Amino acid sequence: MSIQIGMKTSKVHGVSSAELANHWGGEAGALASPMMIIFIEMTCMSITDHLLEPDQITVGYRFNINHLAPTPPEWKVRVDAELIDVDGRMMTYRIEVHDAAGKVADGTHTRFAVSNTRFHERMQGRKEAASVLDSTPP
């Protein structure tokens, strides 16, 4: 099987207290946007990553997500994702997120296929360069 536009899936994720905005410094006791984006990434990866070359992985490249409504703790969200564009190693997915009360989010997410080996070599090079400068981020 090869990667083809139109491939889609849905995944259900539970919302725990550790995934609420107030657990991460926000004030809302609802699903945090960064956690929702992790759910979106996991769902998109499940569509295509198993079809990549053996040394390839995908990395998040672009997020165009509208977080439309709050999801309370202990609820579940369903992420629906469909591959809508493939441009070389770049894959773009249309996403929607729903909970029991309706639509929570919509938008697009783009992932980029890269060599796992090269990715980790590049990360190691960045770590070594940072230790020469200053390991404390700005």
Foldseek 3Di string as FASTA:
>chain_A
DADDFFFKDKDKDAAAQCQAVVVVPDDDQFGDPVVVVVVQVVRVQVRHVVRDPPQKGKDWDDDDKDFADTHHHGWMKMKIWGFHDDDPQKTKIWIWIATPVGTGMTDMTIIGMDGNVVVVVVVVVVCVVCVVPPVDDD
